Protein backbone atom coordinates (compact mmCIF):
# COMPACT_ATOMS: atom_id res chain seq x y z
CA MET A 1 -33.24 -42.03 34.18
CA ASN A 2 -35.52 -39.54 35.64
CA LEU A 3 -33.42 -38.34 38.81
CA SER A 4 -34.82 -35.76 41.57
CA TYR A 5 -32.73 -32.98 42.50
CA TRP A 6 -31.67 -34.97 45.45
CA GLU A 7 -30.65 -37.86 43.53
CA GLN A 8 -28.59 -35.70 41.30
CA LYS A 9 -26.94 -33.71 44.10
CA SER A 10 -26.41 -36.59 46.59
CA TRP A 11 -25.10 -39.44 44.09
CA PHE A 12 -24.08 -37.89 40.67
CA SER A 13 -22.82 -34.16 41.37
CA ASN A 14 -19.03 -33.48 41.96
CA VAL A 15 -17.77 -37.01 41.93
CA ASP A 16 -13.96 -37.61 42.41
CA HIS A 17 -13.54 -41.16 41.96
CA THR A 18 -16.07 -43.82 40.22
CA ILE A 19 -14.86 -47.07 40.25
CA VAL A 20 -16.47 -49.72 37.92
CA GLY A 21 -16.82 -53.25 39.62
CA SER A 22 -17.41 -53.97 43.72
CA GLY A 23 -15.40 -56.81 43.98
CA ILE A 24 -12.21 -57.39 46.21
CA VAL A 25 -10.36 -54.67 44.07
CA GLY A 26 -12.84 -52.48 43.51
CA LEU A 27 -14.10 -52.02 47.17
CA SER A 28 -10.14 -52.20 48.24
CA THR A 29 -9.50 -49.65 45.65
CA ALA A 30 -12.07 -47.55 46.94
CA LEU A 31 -11.02 -48.09 51.00
CA HIS A 32 -7.60 -46.94 50.00
CA LEU A 33 -8.42 -43.96 48.26
CA LYS A 34 -10.62 -43.09 51.15
CA LYS A 35 -7.42 -43.20 53.32
CA ARG A 36 -5.96 -40.87 50.93
CA PHE A 37 -8.51 -38.55 50.42
CA PRO A 38 -10.82 -38.46 53.19
CA LYS A 39 -13.08 -35.94 51.77
CA ALA A 40 -13.33 -37.37 48.36
CA LYS A 41 -16.88 -38.67 46.78
CA ILE A 42 -16.24 -42.07 45.90
CA LEU A 43 -18.74 -44.16 43.73
CA ILE A 44 -19.00 -47.63 42.82
CA LEU A 45 -20.95 -48.94 40.08
CA GLU A 46 -21.93 -52.73 39.77
CA CYS A 47 -23.11 -54.63 37.19
CA GLY A 48 -25.00 -57.18 39.11
CA LEU A 49 -27.19 -57.57 41.97
CA LEU A 50 -23.54 -58.68 44.11
CA PRO A 51 -20.41 -58.72 42.75
CA GLN A 52 -20.89 -60.13 39.33
CA GLY A 53 -17.45 -61.57 38.44
CA ALA A 54 -15.61 -64.14 40.91
CA SER A 55 -15.31 -61.82 44.14
CA THR A 56 -18.69 -63.67 45.75
CA LYS A 57 -18.12 -67.09 43.57
CA ASN A 58 -14.60 -68.12 44.04
CA ALA A 59 -13.73 -71.15 46.28
CA GLY A 60 -12.41 -69.50 48.73
CA PHE A 61 -8.73 -70.73 48.69
CA ALA A 62 -6.30 -68.39 50.61
CA CYS A 63 -3.43 -69.70 48.20
CA PHE A 64 -0.62 -68.81 46.13
CA GLY A 65 0.00 -71.34 43.75
CA SER A 66 0.62 -75.17 43.90
CA ILE A 67 4.20 -76.80 43.13
CA SER A 68 3.34 -77.98 39.53
CA GLU A 69 1.49 -74.42 38.72
CA LEU A 70 4.47 -72.57 39.80
CA ILE A 71 6.98 -74.84 37.95
CA ASP A 72 4.51 -74.31 35.15
CA ASP A 73 4.75 -70.86 35.39
CA LEU A 74 8.38 -70.88 34.85
CA ASN A 75 7.98 -71.77 31.23
CA SER A 76 6.13 -68.17 30.51
CA HIS A 77 7.84 -66.47 33.40
CA SER A 78 11.19 -65.62 34.30
CA ALA A 79 12.24 -67.16 37.87
CA GLN A 80 12.50 -63.71 39.44
CA GLU A 81 9.19 -62.92 38.04
CA MET A 82 7.42 -66.03 39.32
CA VAL A 83 8.74 -65.15 43.24
CA THR A 84 7.79 -61.78 42.47
CA LEU A 85 4.14 -63.01 41.72
CA VAL A 86 4.30 -65.44 45.04
CA GLN A 87 5.27 -62.36 47.04
CA LYS A 88 2.63 -60.21 45.69
CA ARG A 89 -0.07 -63.03 46.64
CA TRP A 90 1.53 -63.66 50.14
CA GLU A 91 1.37 -60.35 51.01
CA GLY A 92 -2.06 -59.55 49.62
CA LEU A 93 -3.29 -62.25 51.87
CA GLN A 94 -1.61 -60.65 54.69
CA LEU A 95 -3.18 -57.36 53.74
CA LEU A 96 -6.66 -59.03 53.49
CA ARG A 97 -6.21 -60.75 56.84
CA LYS A 98 -5.33 -57.77 58.54
CA THR A 99 -7.81 -55.55 56.56
CA LEU A 100 -10.70 -57.65 57.90
CA GLY A 101 -9.47 -59.82 60.89
CA ASP A 102 -9.00 -63.64 60.64
CA SER A 103 -12.18 -64.41 62.57
CA THR A 104 -14.20 -62.06 60.34
CA ILE A 105 -13.44 -64.25 57.09
CA GLU A 106 -13.32 -67.43 58.95
CA TYR A 107 -9.66 -67.73 57.87
CA GLN A 108 -8.05 -71.25 58.65
CA GLN A 109 -4.75 -72.22 57.72
CA LEU A 110 -5.14 -75.66 57.44
CA GLY A 111 -2.59 -76.49 54.78
CA GLY A 112 -2.96 -77.14 51.06
CA TYR A 113 -2.29 -80.49 49.44
CA GLU A 114 -1.41 -81.03 45.35
CA LEU A 115 -2.77 -84.57 43.85
CA PHE A 116 -1.46 -86.38 41.51
CA GLY A 117 -3.82 -88.44 38.94
CA HIS A 118 -2.83 -92.30 38.46
CA ARG A 119 -1.82 -91.18 34.82
CA ASP A 120 0.39 -88.16 35.72
CA LYS A 121 3.27 -90.41 37.41
CA GLU A 122 5.87 -87.94 35.15
CA LEU A 123 4.32 -84.97 36.20
CA LEU A 124 4.96 -86.26 40.06
CA GLU A 125 8.59 -86.98 38.95
CA ASN A 126 8.96 -83.77 37.85
CA CYS A 127 7.76 -81.82 40.51
CA LEU A 128 9.64 -84.22 43.15
CA ASN A 129 12.97 -83.32 40.93
CA LYS A 130 12.16 -79.50 41.21
CA LYS A 131 11.27 -79.31 44.86
CA ASN A 132 14.45 -78.24 46.20
CA GLU A 133 14.85 -75.56 43.26
CA ILE A 134 11.39 -74.42 44.19
CA ASN A 135 11.81 -74.06 47.84
CA GLY A 136 15.02 -72.36 47.38
CA LEU A 137 13.32 -69.36 45.06
CA LEU A 138 10.70 -69.12 47.56
CA LYS A 139 12.95 -69.28 50.91
CA PRO A 140 13.41 -65.56 50.75
CA ILE A 141 9.89 -64.83 51.41
CA PHE A 142 8.66 -67.60 53.66
CA GLU A 143 12.32 -68.16 55.45
CA GLU A 144 11.74 -71.92 55.50
CA ASP A 145 10.70 -74.77 52.90
CA VAL A 146 7.18 -74.26 51.61
CA PHE A 147 6.69 -77.71 49.87
CA GLU A 148 7.25 -81.09 51.58
CA ILE A 149 5.84 -84.47 50.74
CA ARG A 150 2.96 -86.53 52.39
CA THR A 151 1.23 -89.46 51.94
CA ASN A 152 -2.30 -90.12 51.35
CA ALA A 153 -4.19 -90.08 54.70
CA PHE A 154 -7.75 -89.09 52.86
CA GLY A 155 -8.75 -92.29 51.08
CA PHE A 156 -8.33 -90.72 47.85
CA LYS A 157 -8.32 -93.16 44.79
CA ARG A 158 -6.50 -93.42 41.46
CA ILE A 159 -3.72 -90.85 42.52
CA GLN A 160 -0.32 -91.35 42.88
CA PRO A 161 1.06 -92.06 46.41
CA ASP A 162 2.94 -88.99 47.08
CA LEU A 163 1.17 -85.72 47.78
CA PHE A 164 2.55 -82.35 48.11
CA PHE A 165 2.15 -80.50 51.42
CA ASN A 166 1.98 -76.94 52.10
CA LYS A 167 1.74 -75.59 55.15
CA PHE A 168 1.09 -72.00 54.40
CA GLU A 169 -1.93 -72.44 52.51
CA GLY A 170 -5.33 -71.30 54.14
CA GLN A 171 -8.90 -71.05 53.37
CA ILE A 172 -11.90 -68.27 54.01
CA ASP A 173 -15.28 -67.85 53.81
CA THR A 174 -15.49 -65.93 50.55
CA GLY A 175 -19.20 -64.51 51.83
CA LYS A 176 -18.23 -63.47 55.10
CA MET A 177 -15.15 -61.57 53.26
CA MET A 178 -17.39 -59.95 50.71
CA VAL A 179 -20.07 -58.84 53.31
CA ALA A 180 -17.05 -57.39 55.81
CA LEU A 181 -15.44 -55.48 52.63
CA LEU A 182 -18.96 -53.98 51.86
CA LYS A 183 -20.17 -53.00 55.55
CA LYS A 184 -16.65 -51.10 55.59
CA ALA A 185 -17.16 -49.36 52.54
CA ILE A 186 -20.59 -48.17 53.59
CA VAL A 187 -19.24 -47.17 56.87
CA ASN A 188 -16.48 -45.17 55.22
CA GLY A 189 -19.12 -43.24 53.16
CA ILE A 190 -18.61 -44.81 49.92
CA MET A 191 -21.40 -45.03 47.68
CA ILE A 192 -22.44 -48.64 45.86
CA LEU A 193 -24.86 -48.67 43.46
CA ASN A 194 -26.00 -52.47 41.84
CA ASN A 195 -27.69 -53.33 38.41
CA CYS A 196 -25.65 -50.53 36.91
CA THR A 197 -23.86 -51.35 33.93
CA VAL A 198 -21.06 -49.10 32.66
CA GLU A 199 -21.61 -49.19 28.73
CA ALA A 200 -19.04 -46.40 27.46
CA TYR A 201 -17.04 -43.42 28.84
CA SER A 202 -15.43 -40.62 26.90
CA GLU A 203 -12.66 -38.32 28.28
CA ASN A 204 -12.52 -34.62 28.35
CA PHE A 205 -9.72 -33.04 29.65
CA GLU A 206 -10.68 -32.45 33.36
CA ASP A 207 -12.79 -35.37 33.68
CA VAL A 208 -14.83 -38.31 32.37
CA ASP A 209 -18.19 -38.60 30.98
CA VAL A 210 -19.70 -42.42 32.20
CA LYS A 211 -22.61 -43.81 30.12
CA THR A 212 -24.37 -46.40 32.06
CA ASP A 213 -27.38 -48.41 30.83
CA THR A 214 -29.93 -46.18 33.26
CA LEU A 215 -28.23 -42.64 33.38
CA GLN A 216 -25.07 -40.67 32.41
CA PHE A 217 -22.78 -38.50 34.43
CA LYS A 218 -19.33 -36.82 34.88
CA THR A 219 -16.17 -37.87 37.12
CA LYS A 220 -12.91 -36.40 37.86
CA LYS A 221 -11.40 -40.20 37.93
CA LEU A 222 -12.55 -43.27 36.55
CA LEU A 223 -10.85 -46.69 37.84
CA ILE A 224 -11.79 -49.89 36.09
CA ALA A 225 -11.94 -53.06 38.47
CA THR A 226 -13.85 -55.50 36.42
CA ASN A 227 -11.53 -58.27 35.88
CA GLY A 228 -13.40 -60.69 34.17
CA PHE A 229 -15.27 -58.21 32.31
CA ALA A 230 -12.38 -55.93 31.84
CA SER A 231 -12.26 -56.69 27.87
CA GLN A 232 -16.06 -55.24 27.87
CA MET A 233 -13.95 -51.85 28.73
CA ASN A 234 -11.55 -52.25 26.17
CA ILE A 235 -8.92 -53.59 28.10
CA LYS A 236 -7.86 -56.20 25.85
CA GLU A 237 -4.97 -57.96 27.63
CA THR A 238 -7.25 -59.58 29.77
CA GLN A 239 -9.93 -62.28 28.58
CA PRO A 240 -12.89 -63.86 30.72
CA ALA A 241 -12.44 -67.36 31.57
CA ARG A 242 -15.48 -69.09 33.41
CA ALA A 243 -14.81 -71.28 36.61
CA GLN A 244 -17.42 -74.11 37.12
CA VAL A 245 -18.31 -75.31 40.84
CA LEU A 246 -20.31 -77.54 42.74
CA ILE A 247 -20.84 -78.44 45.95
CA THR A 248 -22.43 -81.36 48.06
CA LYS A 249 -24.63 -81.68 50.88
CA PRO A 250 -23.37 -82.25 54.22
CA ILE A 251 -21.46 -85.30 54.77
CA GLU A 252 -21.85 -87.09 58.36
CA GLY A 253 -18.35 -87.56 59.51
CA LEU A 254 -16.38 -85.74 56.45
CA SER A 255 -12.34 -86.05 57.58
CA ILE A 256 -11.28 -84.31 54.45
CA LYS A 257 -9.69 -81.25 56.15
CA GLY A 258 -7.68 -78.28 53.85
CA THR A 259 -7.39 -77.46 50.36
CA PHE A 260 -6.42 -79.52 47.45
CA HIS A 261 -5.44 -79.17 43.87
CA LEU A 262 -5.34 -81.75 40.85
CA ASP A 263 -4.20 -81.27 37.74
CA LYS A 264 -1.84 -78.63 37.82
CA GLY A 265 -4.78 -76.33 39.49
CA TYR A 266 -7.30 -77.00 37.03
CA TYR A 267 -9.60 -78.92 39.50
CA TYR A 268 -9.59 -77.56 43.16
CA PHE A 269 -11.70 -78.79 46.29
CA ARG A 270 -11.91 -78.09 49.97
CA ASN A 271 -14.18 -78.89 52.95
CA ILE A 272 -16.54 -76.15 54.23
CA ASP A 273 -19.44 -76.57 56.60
CA ASN A 274 -19.14 -80.53 56.28
CA ARG A 275 -19.32 -80.51 52.46
CA ILE A 276 -17.18 -81.01 49.76
CA LEU A 277 -17.19 -77.79 47.25
CA LEU A 278 -15.26 -78.70 43.92
CA GLY A 279 -14.37 -76.77 41.27
CA GLY A 280 -12.37 -76.49 37.71
CA GLY A 281 -12.42 -78.28 34.17
CA ARG A 282 -11.90 -75.43 32.25
CA ASN A 283 -9.00 -77.41 30.77
CA LEU A 284 -11.51 -79.61 29.11
CA ASP A 285 -12.86 -76.59 26.84
CA PHE A 286 -10.55 -73.78 27.03
CA LYS A 287 -12.28 -72.04 24.00
CA GLY A 288 -15.89 -72.46 25.48
CA GLU A 289 -14.90 -71.73 28.86
CA GLN A 290 -13.67 -68.32 27.45
CA THR A 291 -17.09 -66.30 27.95
CA SER A 292 -18.57 -64.13 30.28
CA LYS A 293 -21.71 -65.95 30.53
CA MET A 294 -22.80 -67.46 33.70
CA ALA A 295 -23.59 -71.10 32.70
CA GLN A 296 -22.62 -74.70 33.35
CA THR A 297 -22.17 -77.29 30.56
CA PRO A 298 -22.59 -81.17 31.24
CA LEU A 299 -19.12 -81.72 29.83
CA ILE A 300 -17.74 -80.12 32.81
CA GLN A 301 -20.30 -80.93 35.37
CA ASN A 302 -20.05 -84.44 34.84
CA ARG A 303 -16.39 -84.33 35.23
CA LEU A 304 -16.56 -82.83 38.34
CA GLU A 305 -18.88 -85.06 39.80
CA GLU A 306 -16.98 -88.29 38.15
CA LEU A 307 -13.75 -86.97 40.27
CA LEU A 308 -15.89 -86.87 43.53
CA LYS A 309 -16.97 -90.59 42.54
CA THR A 310 -13.92 -91.78 41.90
CA THR A 311 -11.23 -90.07 43.65
CA ILE A 312 -12.64 -87.69 46.28
CA LEU A 313 -15.24 -89.62 47.67
CA PRO A 314 -14.73 -93.12 46.19
CA ASN A 315 -16.54 -94.88 49.47
CA THR A 316 -18.89 -92.26 50.48
CA HIS A 317 -22.34 -91.50 49.34
CA PHE A 318 -22.79 -88.02 48.70
CA GLU A 319 -25.58 -85.56 46.59
CA ILE A 320 -24.94 -82.58 44.88
CA ASP A 321 -26.71 -79.35 46.65
CA HIS A 322 -25.83 -76.68 44.42
CA ARG A 323 -23.86 -75.68 40.98
CA TRP A 324 -22.60 -72.18 39.80
CA SER A 325 -19.96 -70.73 38.02
CA GLY A 326 -17.72 -67.62 38.43
CA ILE A 327 -15.89 -65.44 35.65
CA MET A 328 -12.29 -64.62 35.88
CA GLY A 329 -9.88 -62.49 34.38
CA VAL A 330 -6.70 -64.00 32.74
CA GLY A 331 -4.37 -63.50 29.98
CA ASN A 332 -0.90 -64.65 28.09
CA LEU A 333 0.77 -63.78 31.56
CA LYS A 334 -0.13 -63.77 35.00
CA LYS A 335 1.18 -60.55 36.11
CA PRO A 336 -1.75 -58.41 37.11
CA ILE A 337 -2.53 -55.17 34.80
CA VAL A 338 -2.23 -52.29 37.30
CA LYS A 339 -2.05 -48.80 35.14
CA GLN A 340 -2.94 -45.42 34.05
CA VAL A 341 -5.26 -45.98 30.79
CA SER A 342 -5.25 -42.12 29.89
CA ASN A 343 -5.28 -39.21 31.73
CA ASN A 344 -8.23 -39.52 33.93
CA VAL A 345 -8.62 -43.39 33.33
CA TYR A 346 -7.13 -46.19 35.48
CA CYS A 347 -7.14 -49.98 35.42
CA GLY A 348 -6.60 -53.29 38.06
CA VAL A 349 -7.32 -56.20 36.52
CA ARG A 350 -6.34 -59.76 35.22
CA LEU A 351 -5.72 -61.47 38.69
CA GLY A 352 -5.53 -64.76 36.94
CA GLY A 353 -7.84 -66.82 39.56
CA MET A 354 -5.95 -65.43 42.36
CA GLY A 355 -8.45 -62.83 43.59
CA VAL A 356 -8.63 -63.54 47.06
CA ALA A 357 -4.88 -63.78 46.81
CA ILE A 358 -3.63 -60.56 45.45
CA GLY A 359 -7.22 -58.41 45.17
CA SER A 360 -6.34 -56.45 48.04
CA ILE A 361 -3.11 -55.76 47.26
CA ILE A 362 -4.20 -54.65 43.77
CA GLY A 363 -6.71 -52.34 44.90
CA GLU A 364 -4.20 -50.43 47.24
CA GLU A 365 -1.80 -50.25 43.93
CA LEU A 366 -4.54 -49.04 41.83
CA SER A 367 -5.35 -46.11 44.36
CA ARG A 368 -1.72 -45.16 44.43
CA LEU A 369 -1.91 -44.10 40.76
CA VAL A 370 -4.72 -41.50 41.47
CA ASP A 371 -2.89 -38.28 41.83
CA ASN A 372 -5.80 -36.18 43.16
């Protein structure tokens, strides 16, 4: 790239901290670094026109795990590890709300529901049997029971009559959240470059050489916050996981309010602007959805439409307005990876589909790893 003297001087000389990824984690990391080091030059590199992974593409659930998800987590995590994950998600949500304000992100605590399909009687019974155990584990965090039983008052079909309800769950406007974070970063003098892909980096004793698809420069510290694309930055504990989503056109008289989980959280839907936003289906093709390609597949999109017709809106006419996909970062464990990779390189990745909940607090933890 043919840089002018001014471009080189203002953007690429004496860079203290370079962050890869302008999503929730990347922006939160930059803001916390700016608090610690007010005079530091902080540069964020983003490969997309907008944050490319999931930060502007998620469903806007302010959640920390449905009861079946938490029970399933106990198969691969200890009880204390599961509780610690929930606490981190809950604290992350409070940090996000404090940082931006509820009205800015349109936070609404309408509660969250878990539905059980007509063939999932055994799963429901397991959740009913373990309700008191899970509530007991979470009581030190919330100081009261989290999960309770509700009946189906929404007209859903082909589900079990009992629903689990969690009054602590909420929802946000994802776009407004990200616009607010970007504005806050710019106001604080943090520089953001879009359509700039990091292809490689090499570490020296005192700094890091960063090679992008357009230029090469040096930075004192490099922080990787790309989550779903972390494996491309040699963070092998994280794999991409595509999440496909669709949204209906506005539906007159829509009475469904809240966030909803189905099939151990592999499907999820909510109300937004008199529409139903529905996503999920990764469990239909785990191998095929382990990709960083933004696309939709007939297998999953057809299943999402089928769920709308047979379960969510069985007696309501609707039309699909838009479809999209986002890329999450997942792994064998759900605990996020926040670590020092080498002398001057750090990472905060593997958010496991809980970026809204834990992105802010992972950014704060990542910023604390940097010593100067």
